[in-house]
Amino acid sequence: SPDDVVEDKQTEEPLRDVIWILIPLFLYCFCSIGSSLLYQDM
């Protein structure tokens, strides 16, 4: 929709600007998927 605020899909933030988001996000996904499969298997 022309009313949607759509950011340029080609632009990406440099790693130095988002590293402090990506580190806890990595750990979040580590826990979320790992614990899901862990409960299922155990």
All heavy atoms as atom14 arrays in JSON, in Angstrom:
{
  "sequence": "SPDDVVEDKQTEEPLRDVIWILIPLFLYCFCSIGSSLLYQDM",
  "atom14_mask": [
    [1, 1, 1, 1, 1, 1, 0, 0, 0, 0, 0, 0, 0, 0],
    [1, 1, 1, 1, 1, 1, 1, 0, 0, 0, 0, 0, 0, 0],
    [1, 1, 1, 1, 1, 1, 1, 1, 0, 0, 0, 0, 0, 0],
    [1, 1, 1, 1, 1, 1, 1, 1, 0, 0, 0, 0, 0, 0],
    [1, 1, 1, 1, 1, 1, 1, 0, 0, 0, 0, 0, 0, 0],
    [1, 1, 1, 1, 1, 1, 1, 0, 0, 0, 0, 0, 0, 0],
    [1, 1, 1, 1, 1, 1, 1, 1, 1, 0, 0, 0, 0, 0],
    [1, 1, 1, 1, 1, 1, 1, 1, 0, 0, 0, 0, 0, 0],
    [1, 1, 1, 1, 1, 1, 1, 1, 1, 0, 0, 0, 0, 0],
    [1, 1, 1, 1, 1, 1, 1, 1, 1, 0, 0, 0, 0, 0],
    [1, 1, 1, 1, 1, 1, 1, 0, 0, 0, 0, 0, 0, 0],
    [1, 1, 1, 1, 1, 1, 1, 1, 1, 0, 0, 0, 0, 0],
    [1, 1, 1, 1, 1, 1, 1, 1, 1, 0, 0, 0, 0, 0],
    [1, 1, 1, 1, 1, 1, 1, 0, 0, 0, 0, 0, 0, 0],
    [1, 1, 1, 1, 1, 1, 1, 1, 0, 0, 0, 0, 0, 0],
    [1, 1, 1, 1, 1, 1, 1, 1, 1, 1, 1, 0, 0, 0],
    [1, 1, 1, 1, 1, 1, 1, 1, 0, 0, 0, 0, 0, 0],
    [1, 1, 1, 1, 1, 1, 1, 0, 0, 0, 0, 0, 0, 0],
    [1, 1, 1, 1, 1, 1, 1, 1, 0, 0, 0, 0, 0, 0],
    [1, 1, 1, 1, 1, 1, 1, 1, 1, 1, 1, 1, 1, 1],
    [1, 1, 1, 1, 1, 1, 1, 1, 0, 0, 0, 0, 0, 0],
    [1, 1, 1, 1, 1, 1, 1, 1, 0, 0, 0, 0, 0, 0],
    [1, 1, 1, 1, 1, 1, 1, 1, 0, 0, 0, 0, 0, 0],
    [1, 1, 1, 1, 1, 1, 1, 0, 0, 0, 0, 0, 0, 0],
    [1, 1, 1, 1, 1, 1, 1, 1, 0, 0, 0, 0, 0, 0],
    [1, 1, 1, 1, 1, 1, 1, 1, 1, 1, 1, 0, 0, 0],
    [1, 1, 1, 1, 1, 1, 1, 1, 0, 0, 0, 0, 0, 0],
    [1, 1, 1, 1, 1, 1, 1, 1, 1, 1, 1, 1, 0, 0],
    [1, 1, 1, 1, 1, 1, 0, 0, 0, 0, 0, 0, 0, 0],
    [1, 1, 1, 1, 1, 1, 1, 1, 1, 1, 1, 0, 0, 0],
    [1, 1, 1, 1, 1, 1, 0, 0, 0, 0, 0, 0, 0, 0],
    [1, 1, 1, 1, 1, 1, 0, 0, 0, 0, 0, 0, 0, 0],
    [1, 1, 1, 1, 1, 1, 1, 1, 0, 0, 0, 0, 0, 0],
    [1, 1, 1, 1, 0, 0, 0, 0, 0, 0, 0, 0, 0, 0],
    [1, 1, 1, 1, 1, 1, 0, 0, 0, 0, 0, 0, 0, 0],
    [1, 1, 1, 1, 1, 1, 0, 0, 0, 0, 0, 0, 0, 0],
    [1, 1, 1, 1, 1, 1, 1, 1, 0, 0, 0, 0, 0, 0],
    [1, 1, 1, 1, 1, 1, 1, 1, 0, 0, 0, 0, 0, 0],
    [1, 1, 1, 1, 1, 1, 1, 1, 1, 1, 1, 1, 0, 0],
    [1, 1, 1, 1, 1, 1, 1, 1, 1, 0, 0, 0, 0, 0],
    [1, 1, 1, 1, 1, 1, 1, 1, 0, 0, 0, 0, 0, 0],
    [1, 1, 1, 1, 1, 1, 1, 1, 0, 0, 0, 0, 0, 0]
  ],
  "atom14_positions": [
    [[0.84, -1.2, 0.0], [0.0, 0.0, 0.0], [0.87, 1.25, 0.0], [1.91, 1.3, 0.67], [-0.9, 0.0, 1.24], [-1.53, 1.26, 1.39], [0.0, 0.0, 0.0], [0.0, 0.0, 0.0], [0.0, 0.0, 0.0], [0.0, 0.0, 0.0], [0.0, 0.0, 0.0], [0.0, 0.0, 0.0], [0.0, 0.0, 0.0], [0.0, 0.0, 0.0]],
    [[0.48, 2.3, -0.73], [1.27, 3.54, -0.7], [1.26, 4.22, 0.65], [2.1, 5.05, 0.93], [0.57, 4.42, -1.75], [-0.81, 3.85, -1.88], [-0.68, 2.39, -1.63], [0.0, 0.0, 0.0], [0.0, 0.0, 0.0], [0.0, 0.0, 0.0], [0.0, 0.0, 0.0], [0.0, 0.0, 0.0], [0.0, 0.0, 0.0], [0.0, 0.0, 0.0]],
    [[0.3, 3.83, 1.49], [0.23, 4.42, 2.83], [1.19, 3.77, 3.8], [1.44, 4.27, 4.89], [-1.19, 4.31, 3.39], [-2.19, 5.09, 2.55], [-1.77, 6.12, 1.96], [-3.35, 4.67, 2.46], [0.0, 0.0, 0.0], [0.0, 0.0, 0.0], [0.0, 0.0, 0.0], [0.0, 0.0, 0.0], [0.0, 0.0, 0.0], [0.0, 0.0, 0.0]],
    [[1.71, 2.58, 3.46], [2.63, 1.89, 4.35], [3.98, 2.57, 4.34], [4.48, 3.0, 3.3], [2.83, 0.42, 3.92], [1.55, -0.39, 4.09], [0.77, -0.03, 5.0], [1.35, -1.34, 3.32], [0.0, 0.0, 0.0], [0.0, 0.0, 0.0], [0.0, 0.0, 0.0], [0.0, 0.0, 0.0], [0.0, 0.0, 0.0], [0.0, 0.0, 0.0]],
    [[4.59, 2.65, 5.53], [5.96, 3.15, 5.61], [6.88, 1.97, 5.41], [7.05, 1.14, 6.3], [6.22, 3.82, 6.97], [7.65, 4.31, 7.04], [5.24, 4.95, 7.2], [0.0, 0.0, 0.0], [0.0, 0.0, 0.0], [0.0, 0.0, 0.0], [0.0, 0.0, 0.0], [0.0, 0.0, 0.0], [0.0, 0.0, 0.0], [0.0, 0.0, 0.0]],
    [[7.44, 1.85, 4.22], [8.27, 0.71, 3.87], [9.7, 1.17, 3.7], [9.99, 2.0, 2.86], [7.77, 0.04, 2.56], [8.61, -1.17, 2.23], [6.31, -0.31, 2.67], [0.0, 0.0, 0.0], [0.0, 0.0, 0.0], [0.0, 0.0, 0.0], [0.0, 0.0, 0.0], [0.0, 0.0, 0.0], [0.0, 0.0, 0.0], [0.0, 0.0, 0.0]],
    [[10.6, 0.64, 4.52], [11.99, 1.05, 4.41], [12.66, 0.36, 3.22], [12.21, -0.67, 2.75], [12.74, 0.72, 5.7], [13.16, -0.72, 5.82], [14.01, -0.94, 7.05], [13.52, -0.68, 8.14], [15.16, -1.38, 6.89], [0.0, 0.0, 0.0], [0.0, 0.0, 0.0], [0.0, 0.0, 0.0], [0.0, 0.0, 0.0], [0.0, 0.0, 0.0]],
    [[13.66, 0.98, 2.73], [14.38, 0.44, 1.59], [14.92, -0.94, 1.93], [15.68, -1.12, 2.88], [15.55, 1.37, 1.25], [16.31, 0.9, 0.02], [15.89, -0.09, -0.6], [17.33, 1.54, -0.3], [0.0, 0.0, 0.0], [0.0, 0.0, 0.0], [0.0, 0.0, 0.0], [0.0, 0.0, 0.0], [0.0, 0.0, 0.0], [0.0, 0.0, 0.0]],
    [[14.52, -1.95, 1.13], [14.91, -3.32, 1.44], [16.4, -3.56, 1.21], [16.93, -4.57, 1.67], [14.09, -4.29, 0.58], [12.58, -4.12, 0.72], [12.1, -4.41, 2.11], [10.59, -4.3, 2.21], [10.09, -4.53, 3.55], [0.0, 0.0, 0.0], [0.0, 0.0, 0.0], [0.0, 0.0, 0.0], [0.0, 0.0, 0.0], [0.0, 0.0, 0.0]],
    [[17.05, -2.67, 0.48], [18.46, -2.87, 0.2], [19.34, -2.34, 1.33], [20.5, -2.73, 1.45], [18.84, -2.15, -1.11], [18.05, -2.64, -2.32], [18.22, -4.12, -2.54], [19.33, -4.62, -2.46], [17.15, -4.83, -2.8], [0.0, 0.0, 0.0], [0.0, 0.0, 0.0], [0.0, 0.0, 0.0], [0.0, 0.0, 0.0], [0.0, 0.0, 0.0]],
    [[18.81, -1.42, 2.13], [19.64, -0.82, 3.16], [19.73, -1.74, 4.36], [18.75, -2.33, 4.79], [19.06, 0.53, 3.6], [17.73, 0.33, 4.12], [18.99, 1.48, 2.43], [0.0, 0.0, 0.0], [0.0, 0.0, 0.0], [0.0, 0.0, 0.0], [0.0, 0.0, 0.0], [0.0, 0.0, 0.0], [0.0, 0.0, 0.0], [0.0, 0.0, 0.0]],
    [[20.91, -1.87, 4.89], [21.12, -2.66, 6.09], [22.05, -1.89, 7.01], [23.0, -1.24, 6.57], [21.74, -4.01, 5.76], [20.72, -5.06, 5.42], [21.35, -6.44, 5.28], [22.59, -6.52, 5.34], [20.62, -7.42, 5.13], [0.0, 0.0, 0.0], [0.0, 0.0, 0.0], [0.0, 0.0, 0.0], [0.0, 0.0, 0.0], [0.0, 0.0, 0.0]],
    [[21.76, -1.97, 8.28], [22.59, -1.31, 9.27], [23.94, -2.0, 9.37], [24.01, -3.23, 9.32], [21.9, -1.32, 10.63], [20.53, -0.67, 10.64], [19.41, -1.6, 10.2], [19.75, -2.68, 9.65], [18.24, -1.25, 10.37], [0.0, 0.0, 0.0], [0.0, 0.0, 0.0], [0.0, 0.0, 0.0], [0.0, 0.0, 0.0], [0.0, 0.0, 0.0]],
    [[25.02, -1.28, 9.48], [26.33, -1.92, 9.69], [26.35, -2.68, 11.01], [25.61, -2.35, 11.94], [27.31, -0.74, 9.69], [26.49, 0.46, 9.99], [25.12, 0.2, 9.43], [0.0, 0.0, 0.0], [0.0, 0.0, 0.0], [0.0, 0.0, 0.0], [0.0, 0.0, 0.0], [0.0, 0.0, 0.0], [0.0, 0.0, 0.0], [0.0, 0.0, 0.0]],
    [[27.18, -3.68, 11.07], [27.22, -4.57, 12.23], [27.49, -3.8, 13.53], [26.91, -4.13, 14.57], [28.29, -5.64, 12.01], [28.43, -6.7, 13.12], [27.14, -7.47, 13.29], [29.6, -7.63, 12.81], [0.0, 0.0, 0.0], [0.0, 0.0, 0.0], [0.0, 0.0, 0.0], [0.0, 0.0, 0.0], [0.0, 0.0, 0.0], [0.0, 0.0, 0.0]],
    [[28.34, -2.79, 13.47], [28.68, -2.05, 14.69], [27.46, -1.35, 15.3], [27.43, -1.08, 16.5], [29.77, -1.03, 14.4], [29.36, 0.09, 13.46], [30.46, 1.1, 13.25], [30.05, 2.17, 12.35], [30.15, 2.11, 11.04], [30.68, 1.02, 10.47], [29.75, 3.12, 10.28], [0.0, 0.0, 0.0], [0.0, 0.0, 0.0], [0.0, 0.0, 0.0]],
    [[26.44, -1.07, 14.46], [25.26, -0.37, 14.96], [24.23, -1.33, 15.57], [23.36, -0.88, 16.33], [24.59, 0.42, 13.83], [25.45, 1.59, 13.36], [26.38, 1.96, 14.1], [25.19, 2.11, 12.26], [0.0, 0.0, 0.0], [0.0, 0.0, 0.0], [0.0, 0.0, 0.0], [0.0, 0.0, 0.0], [0.0, 0.0, 0.0], [0.0, 0.0, 0.0]],
    [[24.3, -2.61, 15.23], [23.26, -3.55, 15.69], [23.83, -4.73, 16.47], [23.08, -5.63, 16.85], [22.46, -4.07, 14.47], [21.7, -2.95, 13.8], [23.35, -4.79, 13.48], [0.0, 0.0, 0.0], [0.0, 0.0, 0.0], [0.0, 0.0, 0.0], [0.0, 0.0, 0.0], [0.0, 0.0, 0.0], [0.0, 0.0, 0.0], [0.0, 0.0, 0.0]],
    [[25.13, -4.71, 16.72], [25.76, -5.86, 17.38], [25.16, -6.13, 18.75], [25.01, -7.28, 19.16], [27.3, -5.65, 17.48], [27.99, -6.89, 18.04], [27.63, -4.42, 18.32], [27.91, -8.08, 17.15], [0.0, 0.0, 0.0], [0.0, 0.0, 0.0], [0.0, 0.0, 0.0], [0.0, 0.0, 0.0], [0.0, 0.0, 0.0], [0.0, 0.0, 0.0]],
    [[24.78, -5.05, 19.46], [24.25, -5.23, 20.82], [22.81, -5.72, 20.81], [22.28, -6.1, 21.84], [24.38, -3.94, 21.6], [25.8, -3.49, 21.72], [26.37, -2.38, 21.18], [26.85, -4.18, 22.39], [27.71, -2.32, 21.47], [28.04, -3.42, 22.22], [26.93, -5.38, 23.12], [29.27, -3.82, 22.74], [28.16, -5.77, 23.65], [29.3, -4.99, 23.46]],
    [[22.19, -5.7, 19.64], [20.89, -6.36, 19.48], [21.09, -7.81, 19.04], [20.41, -8.72, 19.53], [20.01, -5.61, 18.45], [19.68, -4.21, 18.97], [18.73, -6.37, 18.17], [18.88, -3.37, 17.98], [0.0, 0.0, 0.0], [0.0, 0.0, 0.0], [0.0, 0.0, 0.0], [0.0, 0.0, 0.0], [0.0, 0.0, 0.0], [0.0, 0.0, 0.0]],
    [[22.04, -8.02, 18.15], [22.23, -9.36, 17.58], [22.77, -10.37, 18.6], [22.41, -11.54, 18.54], [23.19, -9.28, 16.39], [22.69, -8.49, 15.17], [23.75, -8.48, 14.08], [21.39, -9.08, 14.65], [0.0, 0.0, 0.0], [0.0, 0.0, 0.0], [0.0, 0.0, 0.0], [0.0, 0.0, 0.0], [0.0, 0.0, 0.0], [0.0, 0.0, 0.0]],
    [[23.61, -9.92, 19.53], [24.16, -10.86, 20.52], [23.05, -11.44, 21.41], [22.93, -12.68, 21.51], [25.26, -10.18, 21.36], [26.5, -9.92, 20.49], [25.64, -11.05, 22.56], [27.59, -9.15, 21.2], [0.0, 0.0, 0.0], [0.0, 0.0, 0.0], [0.0, 0.0, 0.0], [0.0, 0.0, 0.0], [0.0, 0.0, 0.0], [0.0, 0.0, 0.0]],
    [[22.24, -10.62, 22.08], [21.16, -11.22, 22.87], [20.12, -11.93, 22.0], [19.5, -12.9, 22.45], [20.55, -10.04, 23.62], [20.94, -8.83, 22.86], [22.26, -9.15, 22.25], [0.0, 0.0, 0.0], [0.0, 0.0, 0.0], [0.0, 0.0, 0.0], [0.0, 0.0, 0.0], [0.0, 0.0, 0.0], [0.0, 0.0, 0.0], [0.0, 0.0, 0.0]],
    [[19.93, -11.48, 20.75], [19.01, -12.17, 19.84], [19.52, -13.57, 19.53], [18.74, -14.54, 19.49], [18.84, -11.36, 18.55], [17.95, -12.0, 17.48], [16.52, -12.18, 17.99], [17.97, -11.16, 16.2], [0.0, 0.0, 0.0], [0.0, 0.0, 0.0], [0.0, 0.0, 0.0], [0.0, 0.0, 0.0], [0.0, 0.0, 0.0], [0.0, 0.0, 0.0]],
    [[20.81, -13.69, 19.31], [21.42, -15.01, 19.07], [21.16, -15.94, 20.26], [20.76, -17.09, 20.1], [22.92, -14.84, 18.84], [23.64, -16.12, 18.54], [23.84, -16.53, 17.23], [24.12, -16.93, 19.57], [24.51, -17.7, 16.95], [24.79, -18.11, 19.3], [24.98, -18.51, 17.98], [0.0, 0.0, 0.0], [0.0, 0.0, 0.0], [0.0, 0.0, 0.0]],
    [[21.38, -15.42, 21.46], [21.17, -16.23, 22.67], [19.69, -16.56, 22.86], [19.34, -17.65, 23.31], [21.71, -15.49, 23.88], [23.22, -15.25, 23.88], [23.63, -14.37, 25.05], [23.98, -16.57, 23.92], [0.0, 0.0, 0.0], [0.0, 0.0, 0.0], [0.0, 0.0, 0.0], [0.0, 0.0, 0.0], [0.0, 0.0, 0.0], [0.0, 0.0, 0.0]],
    [[18.82, -15.62, 22.5], [17.37, -15.85, 22.58], [16.97, -17.02, 21.68], [16.22, -17.91, 22.09], [16.64, -14.57, 22.18], [15.15, -14.72, 22.01], [14.27, -14.46, 23.06], [14.6, -15.11, 20.79], [12.9, -14.6, 22.89], [13.23, -15.24, 20.62], [12.39, -14.98, 21.67], [11.03, -15.12, 21.51], [0.0, 0.0, 0.0], [0.0, 0.0, 0.0]],
    [[17.46, -17.02, 20.43], [17.14, -18.1, 19.49], [17.77, -19.41, 19.93], [17.18, -20.49, 19.77], [17.6, -17.73, 18.08], [16.8, -16.27, 17.42], [0.0, 0.0, 0.0], [0.0, 0.0, 0.0], [0.0, 0.0, 0.0], [0.0, 0.0, 0.0], [0.0, 0.0, 0.0], [0.0, 0.0, 0.0], [0.0, 0.0, 0.0], [0.0, 0.0, 0.0]],
    [[18.98, -19.33, 20.48], [19.65, -20.5, 21.04], [18.76, -21.17, 22.09], [18.55, -22.38, 22.07], [20.97, -20.05, 21.67], [21.73, -21.12, 22.4], [22.74, -21.82, 21.77], [21.45, -21.41, 23.73], [23.45, -22.8, 22.45], [22.15, -22.38, 24.42], [23.16, -23.08, 23.78], [0.0, 0.0, 0.0], [0.0, 0.0, 0.0], [0.0, 0.0, 0.0]],
    [[18.21, -20.36, 22.98], [17.36, -20.89, 24.06], [16.0, -21.35, 23.53], [15.5, -22.41, 23.93], [17.16, -19.84, 25.14], [18.65, -19.36, 26.02], [0.0, 0.0, 0.0], [0.0, 0.0, 0.0], [0.0, 0.0, 0.0], [0.0, 0.0, 0.0], [0.0, 0.0, 0.0], [0.0, 0.0, 0.0], [0.0, 0.0, 0.0], [0.0, 0.0, 0.0]],
    [[15.38, -20.57, 22.66], [14.02, -20.84, 22.22], [13.93, -22.14, 21.42], [13.12, -23.02, 21.73], [13.49, -19.68, 21.38], [13.44, -18.49, 22.13], [0.0, 0.0, 0.0], [0.0, 0.0, 0.0], [0.0, 0.0, 0.0], [0.0, 0.0, 0.0], [0.0, 0.0, 0.0], [0.0, 0.0, 0.0], [0.0, 0.0, 0.0], [0.0, 0.0, 0.0]],
    [[14.77, -22.27, 20.39], [14.72, -23.48, 19.56], [15.33, -24.66, 20.3], [14.81, -25.78, 20.24], [15.46, -23.22, 18.23], [14.74, -22.11, 17.46], [15.52, -24.49, 17.4], [15.41, -21.74, 16.15], [0.0, 0.0, 0.0], [0.0, 0.0, 0.0], [0.0, 0.0, 0.0], [0.0, 0.0, 0.0], [0.0, 0.0, 0.0], [0.0, 0.0, 0.0]],
    [[16.43, -24.41, 21.01], [17.06, -25.51, 21.76], [16.15, -26.11, 22.8], [16.03, -27.34, 22.92], [0.0, 0.0, 0.0], [0.0, 0.0, 0.0], [0.0, 0.0, 0.0], [0.0, 0.0, 0.0], [0.0, 0.0, 0.0], [0.0, 0.0, 0.0], [0.0, 0.0, 0.0], [0.0, 0.0, 0.0], [0.0, 0.0, 0.0], [0.0, 0.0, 0.0]],
    [[15.45, -25.26, 23.57], [14.56, -25.78, 24.61], [13.33, -26.45, 24.03], [12.8, -27.41, 24.59], [14.15, -24.66, 25.56], [13.52, -23.61, 24.86], [0.0, 0.0, 0.0], [0.0, 0.0, 0.0], [0.0, 0.0, 0.0], [0.0, 0.0, 0.0], [0.0, 0.0, 0.0], [0.0, 0.0, 0.0], [0.0, 0.0, 0.0], [0.0, 0.0, 0.0]],
    [[12.86, -25.96, 22.87], [11.72, -26.6, 22.21], [12.04, -28.04, 21.82], [11.27, -28.97, 22.12], [11.33, -25.79, 20.97], [10.35, -26.45, 20.21], [0.0, 0.0, 0.0], [0.0, 0.0, 0.0], [0.0, 0.0, 0.0], [0.0, 0.0, 0.0], [0.0, 0.0, 0.0], [0.0, 0.0, 0.0], [0.0, 0.0, 0.0], [0.0, 0.0, 0.0]],
    [[13.18, -28.23, 21.16], [13.58, -29.59, 20.77], [13.99, -30.42, 21.98], [13.79, -31.64, 22.0], [14.72, -29.51, 19.76], [14.38, -28.81, 18.44], [15.63, -28.69, 17.56], [13.29, -29.56, 17.7], [0.0, 0.0, 0.0], [0.0, 0.0, 0.0], [0.0, 0.0, 0.0], [0.0, 0.0, 0.0], [0.0, 0.0, 0.0], [0.0, 0.0, 0.0]],
    [[14.55, -29.77, 22.98], [14.98, -30.47, 24.19], [13.78, -31.1, 24.89], [13.82, -32.28, 25.28], [15.69, -29.49, 25.12], [16.12, -30.01, 26.49], [17.08, -31.18, 26.35], [16.77, -28.89, 27.3], [0.0, 0.0, 0.0], [0.0, 0.0, 0.0], [0.0, 0.0, 0.0], [0.0, 0.0, 0.0], [0.0, 0.0, 0.0], [0.0, 0.0, 0.0]],
    [[12.71, -30.34, 25.07], [11.53, -30.88, 25.74], [10.92, -32.02, 24.92], [10.53, -33.06, 25.46], [10.49, -29.78, 25.97], [9.41, -30.15, 26.96], [9.56, -29.83, 28.31], [8.26, -30.81, 26.56], [8.58, -30.17, 29.23], [7.28, -31.16, 27.47], [7.43, -30.84, 28.81], [6.46, -31.18, 29.71], [0.0, 0.0, 0.0], [0.0, 0.0, 0.0]],
    [[10.86, -31.81, 23.6], [10.28, -32.83, 22.73], [11.05, -34.14, 22.81], [10.45, -35.23, 22.83], [10.26, -32.32, 21.29], [9.74, -33.31, 20.28], [9.73, -32.73, 18.89], [8.83, -32.0, 18.51], [10.75, -33.04, 18.11], [0.0, 0.0, 0.0], [0.0, 0.0, 0.0], [0.0, 0.0, 0.0], [0.0, 0.0, 0.0], [0.0, 0.0, 0.0]],
    [[12.38, -34.06, 22.85], [13.2, -35.26, 22.84], [13.33, -35.92, 24.21], [13.53, -37.13, 24.3], [14.6, -34.92, 22.32], [14.62, -34.65, 20.83], [13.56, -34.83, 20.2], [15.66, -34.23, 20.31], [0.0, 0.0, 0.0], [0.0, 0.0, 0.0], [0.0, 0.0, 0.0], [0.0, 0.0, 0.0], [0.0, 0.0, 0.0], [0.0, 0.0, 0.0]],
    [[13.2, -35.14, 25.29], [13.5, -35.66, 26.62], [12.29, -35.99, 27.48], [12.4, -36.78, 28.42], [14.39, -34.65, 27.38], [15.76, -34.44, 26.79], [16.79, -35.93, 26.72], [16.89, -36.39, 28.44], [0.0, 0.0, 0.0], [0.0, 0.0, 0.0], [0.0, 0.0, 0.0], [0.0, 0.0, 0.0], [0.0, 0.0, 0.0], [0.0, 0.0, 0.0]]
  ]
}
